[in-house]
Amino acid sequence: MPPEVLESLRNQATVQSFTKGSDLFTEGDTATELFVVFEGRIAIATQASDGRETLVAVMETGGLFGELGAFDDQPRSADARALVDSQVIAIPYEAVRREFEQHPELLWLIVRLLAQRLRATDEALADSVFLDVPARTAKRLLELAGERDEFQLPMTQEDLAGLVGASRERVNKALAMFTRLGWIDTVGRANYRILDRESLAQRAEQ
């Protein structure tokens, strides 16, 4: 992105702070700005009619979200909640639209972002159809761990269950099974150590 565009957006942006568990917005809210995570973690979630929550994504530092309303003027399509104390950069839609009008080539950045998210949605849908709960749990653990063998779960077990798309009880059973098999171990509260990445990866594909 050209430096002058970044400078223009920076001048119109505000930094907002949210404590752990607080909502940035909820589904149906009027959308007037997009956000970039400056520090912390933000959960993007949807609610089923029976009240069950499904985590669509976890946004880390640098992650952009809340951009759809800039293009369709529709209300928020999901909830956004701080998983930990977080700071986000809020950029008004009007500022974003002006930059797109002056630099239409920047729209390709959004097209690529939306394409990536559509692919992720397609993959999650396929996982829910073809993978059982232990497989989905293994896959999410590996995604959250990244290249690290020891990591802190950046959410509650209820949130993890929402990310897996299953009940907390079923996800806990999968975690207990992985521990019993010697694939993972717990290190203090909410800290996990991957002991057998290969076996966990194989289970994530079954």
Protein backbone atom coordinates (compact mmCIF):
# COMPACT_ATOMS: atom_id res chain seq x y z
CA MET A 1 0.00 0.00 0.00
CA PRO A 2 1.43 3.43 -0.96
CA PRO A 3 2.89 5.40 1.97
CA GLU A 4 0.62 8.36 1.30
CA VAL A 5 -2.45 6.13 1.61
CA LEU A 6 -1.22 4.67 4.89
CA GLU A 7 -0.54 8.16 6.20
CA SER A 8 -4.00 9.36 5.19
CA LEU A 9 -5.73 6.42 6.87
CA ARG A 10 -3.54 6.76 9.95
CA ASN A 11 -4.62 10.38 10.36
CA GLN A 12 -8.29 9.37 10.36
CA ALA A 13 -7.96 6.24 12.50
CA THR A 14 -8.51 5.89 16.21
CA VAL A 15 -7.11 3.36 18.67
CA GLN A 16 -9.72 1.62 20.82
CA SER A 17 -9.10 -0.58 23.85
CA PHE A 18 -11.22 -3.56 24.91
CA THR A 19 -10.93 -5.69 28.01
CA LYS A 20 -11.04 -9.48 27.85
CA GLY A 21 -14.56 -10.70 27.12
CA SER A 22 -15.96 -7.36 25.94
CA ASP A 23 -17.75 -6.98 22.60
CA LEU A 24 -16.46 -4.76 19.81
CA PHE A 25 -19.75 -5.26 17.99
CA THR A 26 -22.54 -7.80 17.71
CA GLU A 27 -24.41 -9.26 14.76
CA GLY A 28 -26.97 -6.79 13.45
CA ASP A 29 -25.15 -3.67 14.64
CA THR A 30 -24.77 -0.77 12.22
CA ALA A 31 -21.35 -0.99 10.56
CA THR A 32 -19.38 2.24 10.11
CA GLU A 33 -15.71 1.25 10.40
CA LEU A 34 -13.25 -1.57 9.86
CA PHE A 35 -10.65 -2.71 12.35
CA VAL A 36 -7.03 -3.83 12.46
CA VAL A 37 -5.77 -5.67 15.53
CA PHE A 38 -2.94 -3.63 17.06
CA GLU A 39 -2.46 -5.87 20.09
CA GLY A 40 -4.33 -8.87 21.46
CA ARG A 41 -6.76 -11.40 19.95
CA ILE A 42 -10.28 -10.91 18.65
CA ALA A 43 -12.80 -13.71 18.12
CA ILE A 44 -15.22 -13.45 15.20
CA ALA A 45 -18.29 -15.56 15.97
CA THR A 46 -21.82 -16.28 14.80
CA GLN A 47 -24.81 -17.34 16.88
CA ALA A 48 -27.16 -20.18 15.93
CA SER A 49 -30.89 -19.86 16.57
CA ASP A 50 -30.54 -22.11 19.63
CA GLY A 51 -27.88 -19.82 21.11
CA ARG A 52 -24.85 -21.95 20.26
CA GLU A 53 -21.79 -19.97 19.21
CA THR A 54 -19.44 -20.89 16.39
CA LEU A 55 -16.10 -19.15 16.10
CA VAL A 56 -15.48 -18.18 12.50
CA ALA A 57 -11.97 -16.86 13.05
CA VAL A 58 -9.47 -15.63 15.61
CA MET A 59 -7.81 -12.38 14.55
CA GLU A 60 -4.24 -11.84 15.76
CA THR A 61 -2.01 -8.75 15.59
CA GLY A 62 -2.26 -7.22 12.12
CA GLY A 63 -5.51 -9.00 11.30
CA LEU A 64 -8.18 -6.97 9.49
CA PHE A 65 -11.90 -7.49 10.05
CA GLY A 66 -15.23 -5.71 9.78
CA GLU A 67 -14.62 -4.63 6.19
CA LEU A 68 -17.76 -6.00 4.50
CA GLY A 69 -19.98 -3.08 5.44
CA ALA A 70 -17.74 -0.73 3.49
CA PHE A 71 -18.99 -2.39 0.32
CA ASP A 72 -22.59 -3.45 0.94
CA ASP A 73 -23.81 -1.03 3.66
CA GLN A 74 -25.29 -3.97 5.55
CA PRO A 75 -25.27 -4.50 9.34
CA ARG A 76 -22.61 -6.60 11.04
CA SER A 77 -22.86 -10.25 9.99
CA ALA A 78 -21.09 -11.64 13.08
CA ASP A 79 -20.00 -10.80 16.62
CA ALA A 80 -16.50 -9.59 17.51
CA ARG A 81 -15.22 -10.19 21.05
CA ALA A 82 -11.87 -9.63 22.74
CA LEU A 83 -10.34 -12.94 23.85
CA VAL A 84 -7.72 -11.04 25.85
CA ASP A 85 -7.19 -7.38 26.67
CA SER A 86 -6.80 -5.90 23.20
CA GLN A 87 -6.27 -2.72 21.22
CA VAL A 88 -7.61 -2.23 17.71
CA ILE A 89 -7.20 0.49 15.11
CA ALA A 90 -10.61 1.66 13.85
CA ILE A 91 -10.78 3.22 10.38
CA PRO A 92 -14.03 4.87 9.22
CA TYR A 93 -15.58 3.43 6.07
CA GLU A 94 -15.76 6.88 4.49
CA ALA A 95 -11.98 7.24 4.73
CA VAL A 96 -11.50 3.79 3.20
CA ARG A 97 -13.93 4.50 0.36
CA ARG A 98 -12.19 7.76 -0.52
CA GLU A 99 -8.86 5.98 -0.81
CA PHE A 100 -10.38 3.26 -3.00
CA GLU A 101 -11.87 5.90 -5.28
CA GLN A 102 -8.51 7.64 -5.61
CA HIS A 103 -6.51 4.40 -5.82
CA PRO A 104 -8.82 1.74 -7.34
CA GLU A 105 -5.92 -0.69 -7.66
CA LEU A 106 -6.09 -1.10 -3.87
CA LEU A 107 -9.36 -3.01 -4.31
CA TRP A 108 -7.29 -6.02 -5.34
CA LEU A 109 -6.01 -6.20 -1.76
CA ILE A 110 -9.58 -6.64 -0.55
CA VAL A 111 -10.40 -9.09 -3.33
CA ARG A 112 -7.46 -11.27 -2.29
CA LEU A 113 -8.47 -11.03 1.37
CA LEU A 114 -12.06 -12.03 0.62
CA ALA A 115 -10.86 -14.89 -1.59
CA GLN A 116 -8.68 -16.20 1.25
CA ARG A 117 -11.61 -16.05 3.65
CA LEU A 118 -13.91 -17.78 1.17
CA ARG A 119 -11.39 -20.60 0.82
CA ALA A 120 -11.16 -20.86 4.61
CA THR A 121 -14.97 -21.01 4.84
CA ASP A 122 -15.11 -23.73 2.19
CA GLU A 123 -12.46 -25.73 4.06
CA ALA A 124 -14.29 -25.35 7.39
CA LEU A 125 -17.54 -26.50 5.77
CA ALA A 126 -15.80 -29.54 4.28
CA ASP A 127 -14.22 -30.31 7.66
CA SER A 128 -17.62 -30.24 9.36
CA VAL A 129 -18.94 -32.76 6.84
CA PHE A 130 -16.00 -35.12 6.41
CA LEU A 131 -14.05 -34.91 9.69
CA ASP A 132 -15.17 -36.08 13.12
CA VAL A 133 -14.73 -34.03 16.30
CA PRO A 134 -11.29 -35.48 17.26
CA ALA A 135 -9.98 -34.76 13.75
CA ARG A 136 -11.28 -31.19 13.79
CA THR A 137 -9.88 -30.68 17.30
CA ALA A 138 -6.45 -31.94 16.20
CA LYS A 139 -6.53 -29.67 13.17
CA ARG A 140 -7.44 -26.57 15.21
CA LEU A 141 -4.72 -27.32 17.80
CA LEU A 142 -2.11 -27.52 15.06
CA GLU A 143 -3.35 -24.26 13.54
CA LEU A 144 -3.22 -22.50 16.91
CA ALA A 145 0.23 -23.90 17.69
CA GLY A 146 1.76 -22.93 14.35
CA GLU A 147 5.43 -23.93 14.40
CA ARG A 148 5.58 -23.99 18.20
CA ASP A 149 5.57 -27.23 20.16
CA GLU A 150 4.55 -25.44 23.35
CA PHE A 151 1.85 -22.80 23.23
CA GLN A 152 -0.87 -21.14 25.25
CA LEU A 153 -4.43 -21.66 24.13
CA PRO A 154 -5.53 -18.10 23.30
CA MET A 155 -9.14 -18.75 24.32
CA THR A 156 -11.35 -20.61 26.76
CA GLN A 157 -12.28 -24.24 26.15
CA GLU A 158 -15.77 -22.99 25.32
CA ASP A 159 -14.26 -20.81 22.60
CA LEU A 160 -12.17 -23.73 21.34
CA ALA A 161 -15.34 -25.80 21.12
CA GLY A 162 -16.91 -23.02 19.05
CA LEU A 163 -13.90 -22.99 16.75
CA VAL A 164 -14.10 -26.77 16.34
CA GLY A 165 -17.86 -26.63 15.85
CA ALA A 166 -18.76 -29.11 18.60
CA SER A 167 -19.83 -29.17 22.23
CA ARG A 168 -17.29 -28.44 24.94
CA GLU A 169 -17.76 -31.95 26.33
CA ARG A 170 -16.89 -33.63 23.03
CA VAL A 171 -13.84 -31.41 22.51
CA ASN A 172 -12.66 -32.13 26.07
CA LYS A 173 -12.97 -35.86 25.37
CA ALA A 174 -10.82 -35.43 22.26
CA LEU A 175 -8.19 -33.50 24.24
CA ALA A 176 -8.20 -36.17 26.95
CA MET A 177 -7.73 -38.85 24.29
CA PHE A 178 -4.77 -37.01 22.75
CA THR A 179 -3.21 -36.70 26.21
CA ARG A 180 -3.76 -40.38 26.94
CA LEU A 181 -2.15 -41.34 23.64
CA GLY A 182 0.87 -39.18 24.45
CA TRP A 183 0.32 -36.76 21.56
CA ILE A 184 -0.10 -33.66 23.72
CA ASP A 185 0.47 -32.66 27.33
CA THR A 186 -0.77 -29.79 29.47
CA VAL A 187 1.76 -27.41 31.01
CA GLY A 188 -0.03 -25.33 33.59
CA ARG A 189 -3.35 -23.68 32.90
CA ALA A 190 -4.29 -23.42 29.21
CA ASN A 191 -0.74 -24.27 28.12
CA TYR A 192 -0.21 -27.20 25.80
CA ARG A 193 2.85 -29.06 24.58
CA ILE A 194 2.74 -31.08 21.36
CA LEU A 195 4.64 -34.32 21.94
CA ASP A 196 3.81 -36.17 18.72
CA ARG A 197 3.07 -33.70 15.93
CA GLU A 198 3.08 -36.39 13.23
CA SER A 199 0.37 -38.48 14.91
CA LEU A 200 -1.70 -35.38 15.62
CA ALA A 201 -1.40 -34.29 11.99
CA GLN A 202 -2.42 -37.73 10.76
CA ARG A 203 -5.47 -37.72 13.04
CA ALA A 204 -6.40 -34.28 11.71
CA GLU A 205 -6.83 -35.79 8.25
CA GLN A 206 -8.97 -38.77 9.22
